[in-house]
Amino acid sequence: MKKLLYIVVACMLVACNQAYKSEVPANEDLSEMDKVGEATEVETKVILNYKVLAEQKLNDYADLLRLQQQHPEFEEEIAKQLMQLSKDSIIPFSETKKIVISELQQIGEVQDISDSVQQVTFSIQVETDTSVLRDTLNAIFTTRQVQLDDTEHTTVKVSFEKQ
């Protein structure tokens, strides 16, 4: 029985090793690919889905407000995170358990402030236990290129301000 197990394991190792070799090209091919990549370098602009990003960050903001209410011992840390998302109090918060952000709609076009900063105006509706509030916010999207493990990634920071 042990011999059969050893044979099966050995076959699997050989098969995996062969699959790995077929996926990794030779070093010569990689150097040629690098030369081609350098020769055809093209500047690309990142296309963002502003509405989805804004909705995620607004929901994060609402979650932080609820967390601040439920755990006052973390108030300082939560206040720092809230300030990173907005210097203003973009969602009026009173002792309530329910905060739902709905009907997020983009108003107008995306305004390019600089190469890496865009501003988008949104109309939002905030529902709490006691009221429904409609408001208009400016979302500021800051993009930055970061290099990790020899690959370039785009990071996006979102902050809000009242209009």
Foldseek 3Di string as FASTA:
>chain_A
DVVVVVVVVVVVVVVVVVVVVVVDDDPVVVVVVVVVCVVPPDDDADDDPVQVVVQVLVVVLVVLVLVCVVDVVCVVVSVVVNVQQEVDPPDDDDPFNDKDKDDWDWDDDWADPDSFKIKTKIWIWIDTPPDIDIFIKIKIWGWDWDADPNDIDIDIRIHIDGD
